[in-house]
Amino acid sequence: MIFSGFMFVLVGVLIKLMESGLPAIQSAFLRYVFGLIIILPLFRRIQWNTITRPILGLYSLRSIFHGFAVMLWFFAMATIPLAEVTAIAYSLPIYTTIGAVLVFKEKIRIRRIMAVVIGFIGTLIILRPGLVEISLGSLAQVAAAIGFAGSFLIAKKLVSVEAPTNILFMLTAGCGLALLPAALAVWVTPSLTDTIILIIIASLATLGHHSITKALIAAPLTATQPFIFVQMIWAIGFGYILFDETPDIWVIVGGFTIIASTTYLAHREIVAQKKRELFES
């Protein structure tokens, strides 16, 4: 989990180092094109017979959520400090919890409600509406977190009926297709340097997602969740050394407020899962 966090911060660093100012939606599209090339060997292992029309609809909807969330994340990475992007991204489990209640009709008790409220307070501490002007990059990252939460909720439905290979391949291909029309509309010819950087970004992002999967297989979510937050240290360090980004104390305070909230939500999810397993047995 520590390694995956390091990979995603490196992705952010590389986005900031891109030189030709590619539109965020084009950068996101190319990330999935190169990602698709990387995982192309999985094509032969796809179980096409399981992809019914309803399942294809879920894949399509997830691709839209995830693809545009990645586009917004690229934009945020290019416009606001790494530490702020990372801190706001920690709010994803909060939106996932809300979505689970609204979409899957999951019950939510007072302790989870309080955790969600605390998480929102952490986000407000970072954004400080009314006290400072909220940048487009910050708003984009909040919207990206909501989009990723939608993608996660759909994935939660898919994992019960689809093979992991199908899910990974369809997400990568689907995001590319979802972003293609808009990417072509704003197309800028990338430089050789940016092309190389985007290939590396696709590789690091794929490796990061694979590392998270391995971590979740090796240990419970409550054991691995806290190590995600080492990512904040990487983000602050790289931002300060490479881009002269001085850490904002309110971003750090808000980030760790969200961390406390999401860690508790992860803990409650494990407790609820154990209760379900005990009831089913």
Foldseek 3Di string as FASTA:
>chain_A
DLLLLLLVLVLLVLLQVFDPPAQLLLLLLLLLVLLLVVLVVLVVVFDVVLCDPVNVVLLLLLLLLQLLLSSLLSVLSNPDALLLLLLLLLLLVLLLVVCCCVPVVDDDDPVLVVLSVLLVVLLCLSQVPPPDDGDSSNVSSNSSSNSVSSSVNSVVVQVVRGDPSNNVNSNSVSNSVSSVVVCVVRPDDGDPSSSVSSSSSSVSNVVSVVVVVVVVVVDPCLVCLVSSCVSSVVRCVCCCVPVVDHDDPSSVVSSVSSSVSVSVVSVVVVVVVVVVVVVVD
